[in-house]
Protein backbone atom coordinates (compact mmCIF):
# COMPACT_ATOMS: atom_id res chain seq x y z
CA MET A 1 -81.08 18.35 40.76
CA SER A 2 -76.68 18.45 41.27
CA LEU A 3 -75.16 21.67 42.93
CA ILE A 4 -71.74 22.21 43.26
CA VAL A 5 -70.61 23.76 46.29
CA ASP A 6 -67.34 24.46 47.35
CA THR A 7 -64.96 24.86 50.18
CA SER A 8 -66.09 28.03 50.91
CA VAL A 9 -69.71 27.03 51.58
CA ILE A 10 -68.78 24.23 53.22
CA ILE A 11 -66.56 26.13 55.88
CA SER A 12 -68.85 28.14 56.91
CA VAL A 13 -71.51 25.06 58.07
CA ILE A 14 -69.31 22.77 59.55
CA THR A 15 -67.97 25.41 61.99
CA ASN A 16 -71.23 26.89 62.72
CA GLU A 17 -70.56 30.24 61.12
CA ILE A 18 -73.85 33.09 60.68
CA HIS A 19 -74.59 31.81 57.30
CA LYS A 20 -75.17 27.90 58.44
CA LYS A 21 -79.18 28.16 58.35
CA LYS A 22 -79.39 29.46 54.95
CA ILE A 23 -77.03 26.97 53.05
CA ILE A 24 -78.70 24.33 54.69
CA LYS A 25 -81.88 26.06 53.38
CA LEU A 26 -80.90 26.40 50.08
CA THR A 27 -79.17 22.99 49.30
CA LYS A 28 -81.62 20.20 50.91
CA GLY A 29 -82.62 17.71 48.51
CA GLU A 30 -79.99 18.72 46.02
CA GLU A 31 -77.34 16.21 44.94
CA LEU A 32 -74.07 17.59 46.61
CA ILE A 33 -70.68 17.37 44.26
CA ALA A 34 -66.78 19.23 44.99
CA PRO A 35 -63.87 18.02 42.99
CA VAL A 36 -61.75 15.60 45.25
CA SER A 37 -59.83 18.56 46.01
CA LEU A 38 -62.49 19.56 48.84
CA HIS A 39 -60.52 17.33 51.03
CA TRP A 40 -57.25 19.17 50.72
CA GLU A 41 -59.04 22.37 50.77
CA ILE A 42 -60.49 21.94 54.40
CA ALA A 43 -57.51 20.36 56.09
CA ASN A 44 -55.72 24.01 54.36
CA ALA A 45 -58.17 26.07 55.54
CA PHE A 46 -57.95 25.05 59.20
CA SER A 47 -54.07 25.24 58.68
CA ALA A 48 -54.69 28.78 57.75
CA MET A 49 -57.17 29.25 61.54
CA PHE A 50 -54.39 27.60 62.99
CA LYS A 51 -51.74 30.39 61.95
CA ARG A 52 -55.12 33.20 62.56
CA GLY A 53 -54.86 31.43 66.00
CA VAL A 54 -58.79 31.08 65.21
CA ILE A 55 -59.27 27.56 65.99
CA SER A 56 -57.87 25.08 67.94
CA LEU A 57 -57.40 21.50 66.95
CA GLU A 58 -60.00 19.91 68.70
CA GLN A 59 -62.02 22.35 67.16
CA ALA A 60 -61.17 21.08 64.21
CA LYS A 61 -61.43 17.86 64.53
CA GLU A 62 -65.13 18.40 65.80
CA ALA A 63 -65.74 20.57 62.32
CA ILE A 64 -64.12 16.97 60.79
CA LYS A 65 -66.58 15.02 62.30
CA TYR A 66 -69.43 17.23 60.82
CA TYR A 67 -68.14 17.26 57.31
CA SER A 68 -67.74 13.76 57.59
CA GLN A 69 -71.01 13.58 57.75
CA ILE A 70 -72.38 15.91 55.00
CA LYS A 71 -73.04 13.64 51.69
CA LEU A 72 -70.92 14.31 49.34
CA ARG A 73 -69.89 13.09 45.67
CA LEU A 74 -66.26 13.97 45.30
CA VAL A 75 -65.19 13.68 41.40
CA GLU A 76 -62.51 14.31 39.61
CA VAL A 77 -61.68 17.16 36.95
CA ASP A 78 -60.29 17.90 33.50
CA LEU A 79 -56.72 19.20 34.34
CA ASP A 80 -56.68 21.31 31.14
CA LYS A 81 -59.68 22.75 31.13
CA THR A 82 -58.43 23.30 34.79
CA LEU A 83 -55.74 25.23 33.50
CA GLU A 84 -57.47 27.22 31.15
CA ILE A 85 -59.86 28.93 33.58
CA ALA A 86 -57.05 29.57 36.14
CA PHE A 87 -55.30 31.41 33.38
CA LYS A 88 -57.86 33.26 31.53
CA TYR A 89 -59.08 34.46 35.28
CA ASN A 90 -55.41 34.85 37.14
CA ILE A 91 -57.14 33.03 39.30
CA TYR A 92 -55.56 29.90 41.81
CA ALA A 93 -56.32 26.32 40.51
CA TYR A 94 -58.26 25.43 43.75
CA ASP A 95 -60.76 27.90 43.09
CA ALA A 96 -60.74 26.70 38.94
CA TYR A 97 -61.39 23.09 39.86
CA PHE A 98 -65.31 24.19 40.71
CA ILE A 99 -65.84 26.16 37.81
CA VAL A 100 -65.04 23.15 35.61
CA CYS A 101 -67.21 21.38 37.85
CA ALA A 102 -70.22 22.76 37.49
CA LYS A 103 -69.19 23.02 33.49
CA GLN A 104 -68.67 19.48 33.70
CA PHE A 105 -72.21 18.76 35.59
CA LYS A 106 -73.79 22.05 34.14
CA SER A 107 -74.64 22.17 37.47
CA LYS A 108 -75.50 25.53 39.41
CA LEU A 109 -72.71 26.72 42.07
CA ILE A 110 -73.25 27.62 45.38
CA SER A 111 -70.02 29.92 46.91
CA LEU A 112 -69.55 33.05 49.42
CA ASP A 113 -66.72 33.63 47.62
CA LYS A 114 -67.05 36.79 45.27
CA GLY A 115 -64.47 36.18 43.15
CA LEU A 116 -65.39 32.75 42.55
CA ILE A 117 -69.13 33.62 41.52
CA TRP A 118 -68.08 36.35 39.40
CA VAL A 119 -66.24 33.89 37.16
CA ALA A 120 -69.22 31.57 37.61
CA LYS A 121 -70.99 34.35 36.10
CA GLN A 122 -68.33 34.72 33.10
CA ASN A 123 -68.50 31.35 32.38
CA LYS A 124 -72.82 32.02 32.25
CA ILE A 125 -72.86 29.10 35.01
CA THR A 126 -76.10 29.58 37.26
CA THR A 127 -75.38 30.82 40.98
CA LEU A 128 -76.48 30.32 44.41
CA GLU A 129 -75.50 33.13 46.51
CA VAL A 130 -75.63 32.86 49.95
């Protein structure tokens, strides 16, 4: 079975946050899929952490080593559909990519983002909440 994983889930795991063990348990044995934008979102999340002074460059690089070990299938998503979702729900395209991805693969979505989970439910996407 496939499972769409969003940026919040990956960041939580690779930075050893409180939800890590539960996320690993929920995703075990699943084919993990994400839009190709995930790479850029990971880097953007770390740059935001740099600005807030909550992580060092060395810590971010160490987390990226863990990220590279996660078996992920990165896929392209339809940009027209992404824009339709972003417009309809007034969300960023980066969030809409995950919705489109889940619909495209008829897969569940796992996220820590309550807003993204709400939009997923509006689109009849099954969610795994952590």
